[in-house]
PDB file of N, CA and C in Angstrom:
ATOM      1  N   MET A   1       0.845  -1.185   0.000  1.00  0.00           N
ATOM      2  CA  MET A   1       0.000   0.000   0.000  1.00  0.00           C
ATOM      3  C   MET A   1       0.887   1.243   0.000  1.00  0.00           C
ATOM      4  N   LEU A   2       0.505   2.232  -0.790  1.00  0.00           N
ATOM      5  CA  LEU A   2       1.273   3.462  -0.881  1.00  0.00           C
ATOM      6  C   LEU A   2       1.016   4.356   0.322  1.00  0.00           C
ATOM      7  N   LYS A   3       2.061   4.938   0.819  1.00  0.00           N
ATOM      8  CA  LYS A   3       1.952   5.874   1.934  1.00  0.00           C
ATOM      9  C   LYS A   3       1.639   7.263   1.375  1.00  0.00           C
ATOM     10  N   LYS A   4       0.649   7.922   1.936  1.00  0.00           N
ATOM     11  CA  LYS A   4       0.311   9.284   1.517  1.00  0.00           C
ATOM     12  C   LYS A   4       1.328  10.245   2.113  1.00  0.00           C
ATOM     13  N   LEU A   5       1.995  10.974   1.257  1.00  0.00           N
ATOM     14  CA  LEU A   5       2.994  11.937   1.695  1.00  0.00           C
ATOM     15  C   LEU A   5       2.345  13.293   1.919  1.00  0.00           C
ATOM     16  N   SER A   6       2.930  14.068   2.817  1.00  0.00           N
ATOM     17  CA  SER A   6       2.454  15.436   3.012  1.00  0.00           C
ATOM     18  C   SER A   6       2.770  16.237   1.757  1.00  0.00           C
ATOM     19  N   ASP A   7       2.125  17.384   1.607  1.00  0.00           N
ATOM     20  CA  ASP A   7       2.379  18.240   0.444  1.00  0.00           C
ATOM     21  C   ASP A   7       3.846  18.642   0.375  1.00  0.00           C
ATOM     22  N   GLU A   8       4.436  18.912   1.531  1.00  0.00           N
ATOM     23  CA  GLU A   8       5.848  19.302   1.563  1.00  0.00           C
ATOM     24  C   GLU A   8       6.746  18.150   1.126  1.00  0.00           C
ATOM     25  N   GLU A   9       6.458  16.949   1.601  1.00  0.00           N
ATOM     26  CA  GLU A   9       7.254  15.790   1.203  1.00  0.00           C
ATOM     27  C   GLU A   9       7.098  15.512  -0.293  1.00  0.00           C
ATOM     28  N   ALA A  10       5.877  15.633  -0.791  1.00  0.00           N
ATOM     29  CA  ALA A  10       5.623  15.389  -2.207  1.00  0.00           C
ATOM     30  C   ALA A  10       6.343  16.414  -3.080  1.00  0.00           C
ATOM     31  N   SER A  11       6.445  17.651  -2.603  1.00  0.00           N
ATOM     32  CA  SER A  11       7.118  18.674  -3.402  1.00  0.00           C
ATOM     33  C   SER A  11       8.625  18.474  -3.410  1.00  0.00           C
ATOM     34  N   ARG A  12       9.155  17.766  -2.418  1.00  0.00           N
ATOM     35  CA  ARG A  12      10.599  17.514  -2.357  1.00  0.00           C
ATOM     36  C   ARG A  12      10.992  16.164  -2.955  1.00  0.00           C
ATOM     37  N   THR A  13      10.031  15.283  -3.166  1.00  0.00           N
ATOM     38  CA  THR A  13      10.321  13.948  -3.677  1.00  0.00           C
ATOM     39  C   THR A  13      10.530  14.004  -5.183  1.00  0.00           C
ATOM     40  N   LEU A  14      11.722  13.607  -5.616  1.00  0.00           N
ATOM     41  CA  LEU A  14      12.059  13.595  -7.038  1.00  0.00           C
ATOM     42  C   LEU A  14      12.105  12.160  -7.539  1.00  0.00           C
ATOM     43  N   MET A  15      11.575  11.948  -8.735  1.00  0.00           N
ATOM     44  CA  MET A  15      11.556  10.619  -9.333  1.00  0.00           C
ATOM     45  C   MET A  15      12.300  10.638 -10.664  1.00  0.00           C
ATOM     46  N   THR A  16      12.906   9.516 -10.994  1.00  0.00           N
ATOM     47  CA  THR A  16      13.559   9.364 -12.294  1.00  0.00           C
ATOM     48  C   THR A  16      12.488   9.215 -13.373  1.00  0.00           C
ATOM     49  N   THR A  17      12.923   9.201 -14.618  1.00  0.00           N
ATOM     50  CA  THR A  17      11.992   8.984 -15.721  1.00  0.00           C
ATOM     51  C   THR A  17      11.325   7.620 -15.590  1.00  0.00           C
ATOM     52  N   ALA A  18      12.096   6.595 -15.250  1.00  0.00           N
ATOM     53  CA  ALA A  18      11.530   5.249 -15.102  1.00  0.00           C
ATOM     54  C   ALA A  18      10.529   5.194 -13.954  1.00  0.00           C
ATOM     55  N   GLN A  19      10.846   5.823 -12.840  1.00  0.00           N
ATOM     56  CA  GLN A  19       9.924   5.846 -11.711  1.00  0.00           C
ATOM     57  C   GLN A  19       8.647   6.608 -12.054  1.00  0.00           C
ATOM     58  N   THR A  20       8.801   7.695 -12.783  1.00  0.00           N
ATOM     59  CA  THR A  20       7.646   8.493 -13.194  1.00  0.00           C
ATOM     60  C   THR A  20       6.767   7.707 -14.149  1.00  0.00           C
ATOM     61  N   ALA A  21       7.391   6.993 -15.071  1.00  0.00           N
ATOM     62  CA  ALA A  21       6.635   6.151 -16.001  1.00  0.00           C
ATOM     63  C   ALA A  21       5.861   5.079 -15.235  1.00  0.00           C
ATOM     64  N   SER A  22       6.487   4.485 -14.250  1.00  0.00           N
ATOM     65  CA  SER A  22       5.814   3.480 -13.426  1.00  0.00           C
ATOM     66  C   SER A  22       4.647   4.094 -12.665  1.00  0.00           C
ATOM     67  N   TYR A  23       4.833   5.287 -12.153  1.00  0.00           N
ATOM     68  CA  TYR A  23       3.775   5.998 -11.429  1.00  0.00           C
ATOM     69  C   TYR A  23       2.537   6.167 -12.309  1.00  0.00           C
ATOM     70  N   PHE A  24       2.754   6.543 -13.566  1.00  0.00           N
ATOM     71  CA  PHE A  24       1.649   6.779 -14.493  1.00  0.00           C
ATOM     72  C   PHE A  24       1.178   5.504 -15.199  1.00  0.00           C
ATOM     73  N   GLY A  25       1.983   4.461 -15.158  1.00  0.00           N
ATOM     74  CA  GLY A  25       1.637   3.236 -15.867  1.00  0.00           C
ATOM     75  C   GLY A  25       1.849   3.344 -17.362  1.00  0.00           C
ATOM     76  N   VAL A  26       2.873   4.105 -17.749  1.00  0.00           N
ATOM     77  CA  VAL A  26       3.208   4.291 -19.164  1.00  0.00           C
ATOM     78  C   VAL A  26       4.683   3.942 -19.372  1.00  0.00           C
ATOM     79  N   ARG A  27       5.118   3.982 -20.597  1.00  0.00           N
ATOM     80  CA  ARG A  27       6.530   3.730 -20.906  1.00  0.00           C
ATOM     81  C   ARG A  27       7.369   4.985 -20.669  1.00  0.00           C
ATOM     82  N   PRO A  28       8.651   4.821 -20.370  1.00  0.00           N
ATOM     83  CA  PRO A  28       9.532   5.985 -20.192  1.00  0.00           C
ATOM     84  C   PRO A  28       9.535   6.923 -21.400  1.00  0.00           C
ATOM     85  N   THR A  29       9.382   6.384 -22.593  1.00  0.00           N
ATOM     86  CA  THR A  29       9.362   7.240 -23.783  1.00  0.00           C
ATOM     87  C   THR A  29       8.163   8.190 -23.768  1.00  0.00           C
ATOM     88  N   THR A  30       7.067   7.776 -23.162  1.00  0.00           N
ATOM     89  CA  THR A  30       5.894   8.647 -23.049  1.00  0.00           C
ATOM     90  C   THR A  30       6.198   9.819 -22.122  1.00  0.00           C
ATOM     91  N   VAL A  31       6.854   9.538 -20.999  1.00  0.00           N
ATOM     92  CA  VAL A  31       7.240  10.602 -20.066  1.00  0.00           C
ATOM     93  C   VAL A  31       8.205  11.565 -20.753  1.00  0.00           C
ATOM     94  N   GLU A  32       9.149  11.025 -21.519  1.00  0.00           N
ATOM     95  CA  GLU A  32      10.095  11.877 -22.246  1.00  0.00           C
ATOM     96  C   GLU A  32       9.363  12.768 -23.249  1.00  0.00           C
ATOM     97  N   ARG A  33       8.366  12.216 -23.922  1.00  0.00           N
ATOM     98  CA  ARG A  33       7.586  13.006 -24.883  1.00  0.00           C
ATOM     99  C   ARG A  33       6.819  14.113 -24.160  1.00  0.00           C
ATOM    100  N   TRP A  34       6.194  13.790 -23.017  1.00  0.00           N
ATOM    101  CA  TRP A  34       5.488  14.812 -22.242  1.00  0.00           C
ATOM    102  C   TRP A  34       6.446  15.922 -21.825  1.00  0.00           C
ATOM    103  N   ARG A  35       7.684  15.546 -21.454  1.00  0.00           N
ATOM    104  CA  ARG A  35       8.684  16.548 -21.058  1.00  0.00           C
ATOM    105  C   ARG A  35       9.013  17.446 -22.244  1.00  0.00           C
ATOM    106  N   ARG A  36       9.289  16.837 -23.393  1.00  0.00           N
ATOM    107  CA  ARG A  36       9.646  17.627 -24.586  1.00  0.00           C
ATOM    108  C   ARG A  36       8.511  18.561 -25.007  1.00  0.00           C
ATOM    109  N   LEU A  37       7.277  18.138 -24.835  1.00  0.00           N
ATOM    110  CA  LEU A  37       6.120  18.943 -25.215  1.00  0.00           C
ATOM    111  C   LEU A  37       5.712  19.921 -24.116  1.00  0.00           C
ATOM    112  N   SER A  38       6.473  19.949 -23.036  1.00  0.00           N
ATOM    113  CA  SER A  38       6.215  20.819 -21.875  1.00  0.00           C
ATOM    114  C   SER A  38       4.865  20.529 -21.215  1.00  0.00           C
ATOM    115  N   ASN A  39       4.409  19.288 -21.295  1.00  0.00           N
ATOM    116  CA  ASN A  39       3.172  18.895 -20.623  1.00  0.00           C
ATOM    117  C   ASN A  39       3.402  18.575 -19.155  1.00  0.00           C
ATOM    118  N   LEU A  40       4.600  18.112 -18.830  1.00  0.00           N
ATOM    119  CA  LEU A  40       4.918  17.673 -17.476  1.00  0.00           C
ATOM    120  C   LEU A  40       6.128  18.451 -16.970  1.00  0.00           C
ATOM    121  N   PRO A  41       5.978  19.191 -15.865  1.00  0.00           N
ATOM    122  CA  PRO A  41       7.125  19.929 -15.319  1.00  0.00           C
ATOM    123  C   PRO A  41       8.255  18.985 -14.908  1.00  0.00           C
ATOM    124  N   PHE A  42       9.481  19.461 -15.004  1.00  0.00           N
ATOM    125  CA  PHE A  42      10.632  18.631 -14.669  1.00  0.00           C
ATOM    126  C   PHE A  42      11.748  19.484 -14.087  1.00  0.00           C
ATOM    127  N   VAL A  43      12.702  18.800 -13.487  1.00  0.00           N
ATOM    128  CA  VAL A  43      13.923  19.438 -12.970  1.00  0.00           C
ATOM    129  C   VAL A  43      15.075  18.877 -13.789  1.00  0.00           C
ATOM    130  N   ALA A  44      15.843  19.745 -14.426  1.00  0.00           N
ATOM    131  CA  ALA A  44      17.001  19.309 -15.207  1.00  0.00           C
ATOM    132  C   ALA A  44      18.233  19.349 -14.311  1.00  0.00           C
ATOM    133  N   LEU A  45      18.780  18.166 -14.035  1.00  0.00           N
ATOM    134  CA  LEU A  45      19.995  18.085 -13.233  1.00  0.00           C
ATOM    135  C   LEU A  45      21.232  18.269 -14.102  1.00  0.00           C
ATOM    136  N   SER A  46      21.103  17.940 -15.374  1.00  0.00           N
ATOM    137  CA  SER A  46      22.143  18.155 -16.369  1.00  0.00           C
ATOM    138  C   SER A  46      21.449  18.142 -17.727  1.00  0.00           C
ATOM    139  N   ARG A  47      22.218  18.171 -18.798  1.00  0.00           N
ATOM    140  CA  ARG A  47      21.612  18.194 -20.131  1.00  0.00           C
ATOM    141  C   ARG A  47      20.833  16.931 -20.452  1.00  0.00           C
ATOM    142  N   ARG A  48      21.189  15.816 -19.787  1.00  0.00           N
ATOM    143  CA  ARG A  48      20.535  14.544 -20.101  1.00  0.00           C
ATOM    144  C   ARG A  48      19.962  13.844 -18.878  1.00  0.00           C
ATOM    145  N   CYS A  49      19.897  14.524 -17.769  1.00  0.00           N
ATOM    146  CA  CYS A  49      19.414  13.919 -16.533  1.00  0.00           C
ATOM    147  C   CYS A  49      18.251  14.750 -15.982  1.00  0.00           C
ATOM    148  N   TYR A  50      17.072  14.142 -15.960  1.00  0.00           N
ATOM    149  CA  TYR A  50      15.866  14.850 -15.544  1.00  0.00           C
ATOM    150  C   TYR A  50      15.216  14.142 -14.365  1.00  0.00           C
ATOM    151  N   ARG A  51      14.542  14.917 -13.538  1.00  0.00           N
ATOM    152  CA  ARG A  51      13.772  14.380 -12.425  1.00  0.00           C
ATOM    153  C   ARG A  51      12.409  15.059 -12.432  1.00  0.00           C
ATOM    154  N   TYR A  52      11.460  14.368 -11.838  1.00  0.00           N
ATOM    155  CA  TYR A  52      10.086  14.843 -11.815  1.00  0.00           C
ATOM    156  C   TYR A  52       9.603  14.863 -10.368  1.00  0.00           C
ATOM    157  N   ARG A  53       9.008  15.970  -9.958  1.00  0.00           N
ATOM    158  CA  ARG A  53       8.486  16.085  -8.592  1.00  0.00           C
ATOM    159  C   ARG A  53       7.188  15.297  -8.479  1.00  0.00           C
ATOM    160  N   LEU A  54       7.075  14.553  -7.396  1.00  0.00           N
ATOM    161  CA  LEU A  54       5.859  13.786  -7.153  1.00  0.00           C
ATOM    162  C   LEU A  54       4.647  14.709  -7.123  1.00  0.00           C
ATOM    163  N   ALA A  55       4.769  15.869  -6.502  1.00  0.00           N
ATOM    164  CA  ALA A  55       3.650  16.819  -6.434  1.00  0.00           C
ATOM    165  C   ALA A  55       3.214  17.254  -7.836  1.00  0.00           C
ATOM    166  N   ASP A  56       4.164  17.468  -8.743  1.00  0.00           N
ATOM    167  CA  ASP A  56       3.817  17.854 -10.120  1.00  0.00           C
ATOM    168  C   ASP A  56       3.086  16.714 -10.827  1.00  0.00           C
ATOM    169  N   CYS A  57       3.498  15.479 -10.561  1.00  0.00           N
ATOM    170  CA  CYS A  57       2.842  14.321 -11.172  1.00  0.00           C
ATOM    171  C   CYS A  57       1.415  14.185 -10.651  1.00  0.00           C
ATOM    172  N   GLU A  58       1.225  14.398  -9.349  1.00  0.00           N
ATOM    173  CA  GLU A  58      -0.116  14.349  -8.767  1.00  0.00           C
ATOM    174  C   GLU A  58      -1.000  15.438  -9.366  1.00  0.00           C
ATOM    175  N   ASN A  59      -0.454  16.641  -9.545  1.00  0.00           N
ATOM    176  CA  ASN A  59      -1.211  17.743 -10.150  1.00  0.00           C
ATOM    177  C   ASN A  59      -1.545  17.450 -11.608  1.00  0.00           C
ATOM    178  N   PHE A  60      -0.622  16.833 -12.314  1.00  0.00           N
ATOM    179  CA  PHE A  60      -0.811  16.450 -13.710  1.00  0.00           C
ATOM    180  C   PHE A  60      -2.038  15.550 -13.834  1.00  0.00           C
ATOM    181  N   VAL A  61      -2.142  14.561 -12.953  1.00  0.00           N
ATOM    182  CA  VAL A  61      -3.284  13.648 -12.965  1.00  0.00           C
ATOM    183  C   VAL A  61      -4.560  14.388 -12.582  1.00  0.00           C
ATOM    184  N   ALA A  62      -4.497  15.180 -11.524  1.00  0.00           N
ATOM    185  CA  ALA A  62      -5.682  15.898 -11.039  1.00  0.00           C
ATOM    186  C   ALA A  62      -6.240  16.832 -12.112  1.00  0.00           C
ATOM    187  N   GLU A  63      -5.376  17.530 -12.830  1.00  0.00           N
ATOM    188  CA  GLU A  63      -5.821  18.441 -13.891  1.00  0.00           C
ATOM    189  C   GLU A  63      -6.534  17.683 -14.999  1.00  0.00           C
ATOM    190  N   ARG A  64      -5.999  16.534 -15.356  1.00  0.00           N
ATOM    191  CA  ARG A  64      -6.622  15.755 -16.430  1.00  0.00           C
ATOM    192  C   ARG A  64      -7.942  15.157 -15.995  1.00  0.00           C
ATOM    193  N   LEU A  65      -8.032  14.749 -14.748  1.00  0.00           N
ATOM    194  CA  LEU A  65      -9.308  14.235 -14.245  1.00  0.00           C
ATOM    195  C   LEU A  65     -10.349  15.344 -14.201  1.00  0.00           C
ATOM    196  N   GLN A  66      -9.927  16.543 -13.805  1.00  0.00           N
ATOM    197  CA  GLN A  66     -10.834  17.683 -13.754  1.00  0.00           C
ATOM    198  C   GLN A  66     -11.317  18.034 -15.162  1.00  0.00           C
ATOM    199  N   ASN A  67     -10.380  18.103 -16.120  1.00  0.00           N
ATOM    200  CA  ASN A  67     -10.746  18.419 -17.497  1.00  0.00           C
ATOM    201  C   ASN A  67     -11.660  17.359 -18.080  1.00  0.00           C
ATOM    202  N   ARG A  68     -11.419  16.124 -17.724  1.00  0.00           N
ATOM    203  CA  ARG A  68     -12.234  15.026 -18.204  1.00  0.00           C
ATOM    204  C   ARG A  68     -13.676  15.166 -17.702  1.00  0.00           C
ATOM    205  N   GLY A  69     -13.816  15.587 -16.449  1.00  0.00           N
ATOM    206  CA  GLY A  69     -15.139  15.793 -15.873  1.00  0.00           C
ATOM    207  C   GLY A  69     -15.884  16.944 -16.517  1.00  0.00           C
ATOM    208  N   GLU A  70     -15.145  17.977 -16.905  1.00  0.00           N
ATOM    209  CA  GLU A  70     -15.756  19.147 -17.537  1.00  0.00           C
ATOM    210  C   GLU A  70     -16.235  18.820 -18.942  1.00  0.00           C
ATOM    211  N   ASN A  71     -15.551  17.891 -19.610  1.00  0.00           N
ATOM    212  CA  ASN A  71     -15.896  17.542 -20.981  1.00  0.00           C
ATOM    213  C   ASN A  71     -16.963  16.459 -21.053  1.00  0.00           C
ATOM    214  N   ALA A  72     -17.307  15.890 -19.922  1.00  0.00           N
ATOM    215  CA  ALA A  72     -18.300  14.788 -19.925  1.00  0.00           C
ATOM    216  C   ALA A  72     -19.716  15.298 -20.043  1.00  0.00           C
TER     217      ALA A  72
END
């Protein structure tokens, strides 16, 4: 079972591309595409090393669920 993190912990928790893909249930290439299209916020540690905040991933899902409800 997943532990619910506080907002502060979620904002400090960084995930790799593979971890982020697992979180969303998609392939790493999908996360990379979202990054390139500026759909998903990221932290660039170097030119080829990216991390994703758990809080940003949670917001990404929440926004899409909200938009989905508005379009229904």
